[in-house]
Amino acid sequence: MEFIMRPIGVIHSPFQEKAETPIQPSRSDALGQVVVAAAYAPGLQDIEGFSYIILLYAFHCSDGYALQVKPFLDDRLRGLFSTRHPCRPNPIGLSVVRLLGRQENVLEIEGVDVLDGTPLLDIKPYVPDFDIRTGARAGWYEQRSKR
């Protein structure tokens, strides 16, 4: 089975190099823009009512992957799927960012953590009733953060 995805827009950020990007949107106060292609702009109706949105995008500068990687916040090898490492078999990224405003097909965002020109695959609203999980475990990260 094969899936073909086409970008619906582009994410603009102040970051030109991979090494400049924050490791997660929750650790970023950088401002950016999401420019949605005109054909998809009607899909932005009512988005202004949300404080946060979830951006799904392609890691377009990622090349290759390994099934064991050293996460940015750890010094041990971990299984790829237990990390948020950008080099993946299907290089899809996810960021929860603050929505500051909308001007037609352009969304102003805060907390951007991607390279400028990142292809946007989808936008979903962040809904606390659906997205917050109480009592969640964080695997190896919990032990790492207690050191």
N, C-alpha and C. Protein backbone atom coordinates (compact mmCIF):
# COMPACT_ATOMS: atom_id res chain seq x y z
N MET A 1 0.84 -1.17 0.00
CA MET A 1 0.00 0.00 0.00
C MET A 1 0.88 1.24 0.00
N GLU A 2 0.51 2.21 -0.76
CA GLU A 2 1.27 3.44 -0.85
C GLU A 2 0.35 4.63 -0.61
N PHE A 3 0.87 5.62 0.09
CA PHE A 3 0.12 6.85 0.33
C PHE A 3 0.87 7.99 -0.32
N ILE A 4 0.14 8.86 -0.94
CA ILE A 4 0.74 10.05 -1.52
C ILE A 4 0.14 11.25 -0.80
N MET A 5 1.00 12.06 -0.22
CA MET A 5 0.54 13.28 0.45
C MET A 5 1.12 14.48 -0.27
N ARG A 6 0.29 15.49 -0.38
CA ARG A 6 0.73 16.73 -0.99
C ARG A 6 0.57 17.85 0.03
N PRO A 7 1.53 18.74 0.11
CA PRO A 7 1.42 19.84 1.06
C PRO A 7 0.18 20.70 0.79
N ILE A 8 -0.39 21.21 1.88
CA ILE A 8 -1.51 22.13 1.76
C ILE A 8 -1.05 23.56 2.00
N GLY A 9 0.21 23.72 2.30
CA GLY A 9 0.77 25.04 2.55
C GLY A 9 2.21 24.92 3.00
N VAL A 10 2.71 25.99 3.60
CA VAL A 10 4.10 26.04 4.04
C VAL A 10 4.18 26.76 5.39
N ILE A 11 5.14 26.32 6.21
CA ILE A 11 5.37 26.95 7.50
C ILE A 11 6.63 27.81 7.38
N HIS A 12 6.50 29.07 7.79
CA HIS A 12 7.64 29.97 7.79
C HIS A 12 8.11 30.20 9.21
N SER A 13 9.41 30.21 9.38
CA SER A 13 10.00 30.39 10.71
C SER A 13 11.29 31.20 10.56
N PRO A 14 11.87 31.64 11.67
CA PRO A 14 13.14 32.34 11.59
C PRO A 14 14.34 31.40 11.45
N PHE A 15 14.11 30.09 11.37
CA PHE A 15 15.19 29.12 11.41
C PHE A 15 15.59 28.64 10.01
N GLN A 16 16.84 28.86 9.66
CA GLN A 16 17.36 28.45 8.35
C GLN A 16 18.18 27.17 8.41
N GLU A 17 18.70 26.84 9.58
CA GLU A 17 19.56 25.67 9.76
C GLU A 17 18.96 24.75 10.82
N LYS A 18 19.14 23.44 10.64
CA LYS A 18 18.61 22.46 11.60
C LYS A 18 19.08 22.75 13.03
N ALA A 19 20.34 23.10 13.18
CA ALA A 19 20.91 23.32 14.50
C ALA A 19 20.27 24.51 15.23
N GLU A 20 19.60 25.39 14.50
CA GLU A 20 18.96 26.57 15.10
C GLU A 20 17.60 26.25 15.72
N THR A 21 16.96 25.18 15.28
CA THR A 21 15.57 24.93 15.67
C THR A 21 15.48 24.46 17.12
N PRO A 22 14.49 24.96 17.85
CA PRO A 22 14.25 24.46 19.21
C PRO A 22 13.89 22.97 19.16
N ILE A 23 14.11 22.25 20.26
CA ILE A 23 13.86 20.81 20.24
C ILE A 23 12.38 20.46 20.33
N GLN A 24 11.55 21.36 20.82
CA GLN A 24 10.11 21.13 20.88
C GLN A 24 9.42 22.49 20.88
N PRO A 25 8.18 22.55 20.39
CA PRO A 25 7.47 23.83 20.38
C PRO A 25 7.22 24.38 21.79
N SER A 26 7.10 23.52 22.79
CA SER A 26 6.87 23.99 24.15
C SER A 26 8.09 24.69 24.72
N ARG A 27 9.23 24.56 24.05
CA ARG A 27 10.47 25.22 24.48
C ARG A 27 10.84 26.36 23.55
N SER A 28 9.85 26.84 22.80
CA SER A 28 10.10 27.91 21.83
C SER A 28 9.10 29.04 22.02
N ASP A 29 9.60 30.25 21.89
CA ASP A 29 8.70 31.40 21.83
C ASP A 29 8.82 32.10 20.48
N ALA A 30 9.45 31.40 19.53
CA ALA A 30 9.65 31.95 18.20
C ALA A 30 8.32 32.14 17.47
N LEU A 31 8.25 33.23 16.73
CA LEU A 31 7.07 33.53 15.94
C LEU A 31 7.24 32.99 14.52
N GLY A 32 6.13 32.63 13.91
CA GLY A 32 6.16 32.14 12.55
C GLY A 32 4.82 32.34 11.88
N GLN A 33 4.74 31.87 10.65
CA GLN A 33 3.51 31.95 9.88
C GLN A 33 3.24 30.63 9.20
N VAL A 34 1.97 30.31 9.11
CA VAL A 34 1.52 29.17 8.32
C VAL A 34 0.76 29.77 7.15
N VAL A 35 1.25 29.54 5.95
CA VAL A 35 0.58 30.04 4.75
C VAL A 35 -0.10 28.85 4.10
N VAL A 36 -1.42 28.86 4.13
CA VAL A 36 -2.23 27.79 3.56
C VAL A 36 -2.52 28.13 2.10
N ALA A 37 -2.35 27.16 1.22
CA ALA A 37 -2.63 27.38 -0.20
C ALA A 37 -4.08 27.85 -0.38
N ALA A 38 -4.28 28.72 -1.33
CA ALA A 38 -5.60 29.33 -1.56
C ALA A 38 -6.70 28.28 -1.70
N ALA A 39 -6.42 27.17 -2.34
CA ALA A 39 -7.43 26.12 -2.55
C ALA A 39 -7.95 25.56 -1.23
N TYR A 40 -7.14 25.65 -0.16
CA TYR A 40 -7.52 25.08 1.13
C TYR A 40 -7.96 26.14 2.14
N ALA A 41 -7.87 27.40 1.78
CA ALA A 41 -8.19 28.49 2.69
C ALA A 41 -9.61 28.41 3.27
N PRO A 42 -10.63 27.97 2.52
CA PRO A 42 -11.96 27.85 3.13
C PRO A 42 -11.99 26.90 4.33
N GLY A 43 -11.04 25.98 4.40
CA GLY A 43 -10.97 25.06 5.53
C GLY A 43 -10.52 25.71 6.82
N LEU A 44 -10.07 26.95 6.76
CA LEU A 44 -9.64 27.67 7.96
C LEU A 44 -10.80 28.33 8.70
N GLN A 45 -11.98 28.27 8.13
CA GLN A 45 -13.15 28.88 8.78
C GLN A 45 -13.27 28.39 10.22
N ASP A 46 -13.46 29.30 11.14
CA ASP A 46 -13.67 29.04 12.58
C ASP A 46 -12.40 28.69 13.35
N ILE A 47 -11.26 28.67 12.71
CA ILE A 47 -10.03 28.30 13.43
C ILE A 47 -9.62 29.34 14.46
N GLU A 48 -10.05 30.59 14.28
CA GLU A 48 -9.68 31.67 15.19
C GLU A 48 -10.14 31.41 16.62
N GLY A 49 -11.12 30.57 16.82
CA GLY A 49 -11.63 30.28 18.15
C GLY A 49 -10.74 29.38 18.98
N PHE A 50 -9.67 28.86 18.41
CA PHE A 50 -8.78 27.95 19.12
C PHE A 50 -7.50 28.67 19.54
N SER A 51 -7.05 28.42 20.76
CA SER A 51 -5.81 29.00 21.26
C SER A 51 -4.59 28.32 20.67
N TYR A 52 -4.71 27.00 20.47
CA TYR A 52 -3.61 26.20 19.95
C TYR A 52 -4.08 25.37 18.77
N ILE A 53 -3.14 25.11 17.87
CA ILE A 53 -3.41 24.22 16.74
C ILE A 53 -2.28 23.21 16.64
N ILE A 54 -2.59 22.09 16.04
CA ILE A 54 -1.62 21.02 15.82
C ILE A 54 -1.23 21.05 14.35
N LEU A 55 0.05 21.22 14.10
CA LEU A 55 0.56 21.23 12.73
C LEU A 55 1.20 19.88 12.43
N LEU A 56 0.82 19.28 11.33
CA LEU A 56 1.46 18.06 10.83
C LEU A 56 2.22 18.47 9.58
N TYR A 57 3.47 18.06 9.49
CA TYR A 57 4.32 18.54 8.41
C TYR A 57 5.34 17.48 8.03
N ALA A 58 6.02 17.74 6.93
CA ALA A 58 7.07 16.84 6.45
C ALA A 58 8.43 17.37 6.89
N PHE A 59 9.25 16.49 7.46
CA PHE A 59 10.65 16.83 7.76
C PHE A 59 11.39 16.79 6.42
N HIS A 60 11.26 17.84 5.64
CA HIS A 60 11.76 17.87 4.26
C HIS A 60 13.28 17.89 4.14
N CYS A 61 13.98 18.20 5.21
CA CYS A 61 15.45 18.20 5.18
C CYS A 61 16.03 17.00 5.93
N SER A 62 15.19 16.09 6.32
CA SER A 62 15.63 14.90 7.03
C SER A 62 16.07 13.86 6.00
N ASP A 63 17.17 13.21 6.27
CA ASP A 63 17.63 12.20 5.32
C ASP A 63 17.99 10.92 6.06
N GLY A 64 17.32 9.85 5.67
CA GLY A 64 17.57 8.56 6.29
C GLY A 64 17.04 8.46 7.70
N TYR A 65 17.25 7.30 8.28
CA TYR A 65 16.82 7.08 9.66
C TYR A 65 17.57 5.89 10.22
N ALA A 66 17.55 5.78 11.53
CA ALA A 66 18.08 4.62 12.24
C ALA A 66 17.02 4.21 13.24
N LEU A 67 16.93 2.93 13.52
CA LEU A 67 15.91 2.45 14.45
C LEU A 67 16.28 2.66 15.91
N GLN A 68 17.55 3.01 16.15
CA GLN A 68 17.98 3.42 17.48
C GLN A 68 18.69 4.75 17.33
N VAL A 69 18.29 5.71 18.16
CA VAL A 69 18.83 7.06 18.08
C VAL A 69 19.13 7.59 19.48
N LYS A 70 19.94 8.62 19.54
CA LYS A 70 20.21 9.29 20.80
C LYS A 70 19.33 10.55 20.82
N PRO A 71 18.32 10.57 21.69
CA PRO A 71 17.43 11.74 21.75
C PRO A 71 18.20 13.00 22.17
N PHE A 72 17.64 14.15 21.81
CA PHE A 72 18.28 15.42 22.14
C PHE A 72 18.46 15.61 23.64
N LEU A 73 17.57 15.05 24.45
CA LEU A 73 17.62 15.28 25.89
C LEU A 73 18.15 14.08 26.67
N ASP A 74 18.87 13.18 25.99
CA ASP A 74 19.39 12.00 26.67
C ASP A 74 20.73 11.66 26.06
N ASP A 75 21.49 10.81 26.75
CA ASP A 75 22.80 10.41 26.23
C ASP A 75 22.88 8.93 25.92
N ARG A 76 21.72 8.24 25.92
CA ARG A 76 21.69 6.81 25.64
C ARG A 76 20.91 6.56 24.35
N LEU A 77 21.25 5.46 23.69
CA LEU A 77 20.47 5.06 22.51
C LEU A 77 19.09 4.59 22.95
N ARG A 78 18.09 5.02 22.21
CA ARG A 78 16.70 4.64 22.47
C ARG A 78 16.06 4.19 21.16
N GLY A 79 15.01 3.41 21.27
CA GLY A 79 14.27 3.01 20.08
C GLY A 79 13.65 4.24 19.43
N LEU A 80 13.78 4.35 18.12
CA LEU A 80 13.28 5.52 17.39
C LEU A 80 11.85 5.88 17.76
N PHE A 81 11.00 4.86 17.86
CA PHE A 81 9.57 5.13 18.09
C PHE A 81 9.25 5.51 19.53
N SER A 82 10.28 5.52 20.40
CA SER A 82 10.08 6.03 21.76
C SER A 82 10.68 7.43 21.89
N THR A 83 10.96 8.05 20.74
CA THR A 83 11.53 9.40 20.72
C THR A 83 10.76 10.27 19.72
N ARG A 84 11.12 11.53 19.70
CA ARG A 84 10.56 12.46 18.72
C ARG A 84 11.64 12.89 17.72
N HIS A 85 12.61 12.04 17.54
CA HIS A 85 13.71 12.31 16.61
C HIS A 85 13.15 12.57 15.21
N PRO A 86 13.71 13.57 14.48
CA PRO A 86 13.16 13.92 13.17
C PRO A 86 13.47 12.96 12.02
N CYS A 87 14.49 12.13 12.15
CA CYS A 87 14.83 11.19 11.07
C CYS A 87 14.03 9.91 11.27
N ARG A 88 13.02 9.71 10.41
CA ARG A 88 12.05 8.63 10.61
C ARG A 88 11.75 7.96 9.26
N PRO A 89 11.23 6.71 9.28
CA PRO A 89 10.89 6.05 8.02
C PRO A 89 9.90 6.88 7.19
N ASN A 90 8.91 7.47 7.84
CA ASN A 90 8.00 8.42 7.21
C ASN A 90 8.23 9.75 7.93
N PRO A 91 8.96 10.65 7.33
CA PRO A 91 9.40 11.86 8.04
C PRO A 91 8.27 12.87 8.28
N ILE A 92 7.38 12.49 9.19
CA ILE A 92 6.24 13.33 9.53
C ILE A 92 6.48 13.94 10.91
N GLY A 93 6.30 15.25 11.01
CA GLY A 93 6.45 15.95 12.28
C GLY A 93 5.12 16.48 12.78
N LEU A 94 5.10 16.78 14.07
CA LEU A 94 3.91 17.28 14.73
C LEU A 94 4.33 18.35 15.72
N SER A 95 3.66 19.48 15.69
CA SER A 95 3.92 20.55 16.66
C SER A 95 2.60 21.14 17.12
N VAL A 96 2.50 21.39 18.42
CA VAL A 96 1.36 22.11 18.97
C VAL A 96 1.84 23.54 19.18
N VAL A 97 1.23 24.49 18.47
CA VAL A 97 1.66 25.88 18.53
C VAL A 97 0.49 26.78 18.92
N ARG A 98 0.83 27.94 19.48
CA ARG A 98 -0.21 28.92 19.84
C ARG A 98 -0.64 29.66 18.58
N LEU A 99 -1.94 29.77 18.39
CA LEU A 99 -2.49 30.52 17.26
C LEU A 99 -2.71 31.95 17.73
N LEU A 100 -1.99 32.90 17.12
CA LEU A 100 -2.09 34.30 17.51
C LEU A 100 -3.12 35.06 16.69
N GLY A 101 -3.33 34.63 15.45
CA GLY A 101 -4.28 35.33 14.61
C GLY A 101 -4.32 34.77 13.21
N ARG A 102 -5.28 35.27 12.45
CA ARG A 102 -5.46 34.83 11.06
C ARG A 102 -5.78 36.02 10.18
N GLN A 103 -5.11 36.08 9.06
CA GLN A 103 -5.42 37.04 8.01
C GLN A 103 -5.63 36.23 6.73
N GLU A 104 -6.88 36.00 6.40
CA GLU A 104 -7.26 35.19 5.24
C GLU A 104 -6.61 33.82 5.31
N ASN A 105 -5.62 33.52 4.47
CA ASN A 105 -5.01 32.19 4.44
C ASN A 105 -3.69 32.11 5.21
N VAL A 106 -3.39 33.12 6.01
CA VAL A 106 -2.13 33.17 6.76
C VAL A 106 -2.44 33.13 8.26
N LEU A 107 -1.82 32.17 8.94
CA LEU A 107 -1.96 32.03 10.39
C LEU A 107 -0.68 32.52 11.05
N GLU A 108 -0.82 33.39 12.02
CA GLU A 108 0.32 33.85 12.81
C GLU A 108 0.41 32.91 14.01
N ILE A 109 1.61 32.36 14.26
CA ILE A 109 1.77 31.37 15.31
C ILE A 109 2.95 31.71 16.21
N GLU A 110 2.93 31.14 17.41
CA GLU A 110 4.03 31.25 18.36
C GLU A 110 4.40 29.85 18.83
N GLY A 111 5.71 29.64 19.02
CA GLY A 111 6.18 28.32 19.46
C GLY A 111 6.64 27.48 18.29
N VAL A 112 6.96 28.12 17.19
CA VAL A 112 7.39 27.38 16.00
C VAL A 112 8.75 26.74 16.27
N ASP A 113 8.92 25.51 15.78
CA ASP A 113 10.17 24.76 16.02
C ASP A 113 10.64 24.03 14.77
N VAL A 114 10.31 24.57 13.60
CA VAL A 114 10.66 23.91 12.34
C VAL A 114 11.47 24.86 11.46
N LEU A 115 12.09 24.30 10.46
CA LEU A 115 12.84 25.09 9.49
C LEU A 115 11.91 25.93 8.63
N ASP A 116 12.39 27.09 8.23
CA ASP A 116 11.63 27.93 7.30
C ASP A 116 11.40 27.16 6.00
N GLY A 117 10.17 27.21 5.51
CA GLY A 117 9.83 26.53 4.27
C GLY A 117 9.35 25.11 4.45
N THR A 118 9.07 24.70 5.68
CA THR A 118 8.61 23.34 5.95
C THR A 118 7.24 23.09 5.31
N PRO A 119 7.10 22.01 4.53
CA PRO A 119 5.81 21.70 3.90
C PRO A 119 4.76 21.28 4.93
N LEU A 120 3.62 21.94 4.89
CA LEU A 120 2.51 21.66 5.80
C LEU A 120 1.62 20.58 5.21
N LEU A 121 1.34 19.54 5.99
CA LEU A 121 0.48 18.44 5.54
C LEU A 121 -0.95 18.58 6.04
N ASP A 122 -1.13 19.09 7.26
CA ASP A 122 -2.48 19.18 7.82
C ASP A 122 -2.45 20.09 9.05
N ILE A 123 -3.63 20.57 9.42
CA ILE A 123 -3.84 21.37 10.63
C ILE A 123 -5.02 20.76 11.37
N LYS A 124 -4.88 20.61 12.67
CA LYS A 124 -5.99 20.14 13.51
C LYS A 124 -6.08 21.05 14.72
N PRO A 125 -7.27 21.26 15.23
CA PRO A 125 -7.38 22.09 16.43
C PRO A 125 -6.94 21.31 17.66
N TYR A 126 -6.31 22.00 18.59
CA TYR A 126 -5.98 21.41 19.88
C TYR A 126 -7.21 21.57 20.76
N VAL A 127 -7.77 20.46 21.24
CA VAL A 127 -8.98 20.47 22.05
C VAL A 127 -8.65 19.78 23.37
N PRO A 128 -8.59 20.53 24.48
CA PRO A 128 -8.21 19.92 25.76
C PRO A 128 -9.00 18.65 26.11
N ASP A 129 -10.31 18.64 25.86
CA ASP A 129 -11.10 17.45 26.18
C ASP A 129 -10.61 16.20 25.44
N PHE A 130 -10.03 16.39 24.28
CA PHE A 130 -9.57 15.26 23.47
C PHE A 130 -8.08 14.99 23.64
N ASP A 131 -7.30 16.05 23.90
CA ASP A 131 -5.85 15.94 23.81
C ASP A 131 -5.11 15.81 25.13
N ILE A 132 -5.70 16.22 26.23
CA ILE A 132 -5.03 16.09 27.53
C ILE A 132 -5.30 14.71 28.10
N ARG A 133 -4.25 14.06 28.56
CA ARG A 133 -4.36 12.75 29.20
C ARG A 133 -3.76 12.84 30.58
N THR A 134 -4.58 12.69 31.60
CA THR A 134 -4.06 12.74 32.97
C THR A 134 -3.45 11.39 33.33
N GLY A 135 -2.45 11.44 34.19
CA GLY A 135 -1.80 10.21 34.64
C GLY A 135 -0.93 9.55 33.58
N ALA A 136 -0.57 10.29 32.55
CA ALA A 136 0.24 9.72 31.46
C ALA A 136 1.67 9.47 31.93
N ARG A 137 2.25 8.35 31.49
CA ARG A 137 3.65 8.04 31.76
C ARG A 137 4.50 8.54 30.61
N ALA A 138 5.75 8.89 30.89
CA ALA A 138 6.64 9.41 29.86
C ALA A 138 7.89 8.54 29.69
N GLY A 139 7.78 7.25 29.97
CA GLY A 139 8.85 6.29 29.68
C GLY A 139 10.23 6.73 30.15
N TRP A 140 11.23 6.53 29.30
CA TRP A 140 12.61 6.85 29.63
C TRP A 140 12.79 8.32 29.97
N TYR A 141 11.96 9.19 29.42
CA TYR A 141 12.11 10.62 29.68
C TYR A 141 11.88 10.94 31.16
N GLU A 142 10.98 10.26 31.83
CA GLU A 142 10.75 10.48 33.27
C GLU A 142 12.01 10.24 34.06
N GLN A 143 12.70 9.15 33.77
CA GLN A 143 13.92 8.83 34.51
C GLN A 143 15.03 9.82 34.15
N ARG A 144 15.11 10.20 32.91
CA ARG A 144 16.11 11.16 32.48
C ARG A 144 15.91 12.50 33.16
N SER A 145 14.66 12.92 33.31
CA SER A 145 14.39 14.25 33.88
C SER A 145 14.60 14.28 35.39
N LYS A 146 14.74 13.12 36.03
CA LYS A 146 14.97 13.08 37.48
C LYS A 146 16.45 13.11 37.83
N ARG A 147 17.31 12.99 36.82
CA ARG A 147 18.76 13.00 37.09
C ARG A 147 19.24 14.33 37.56
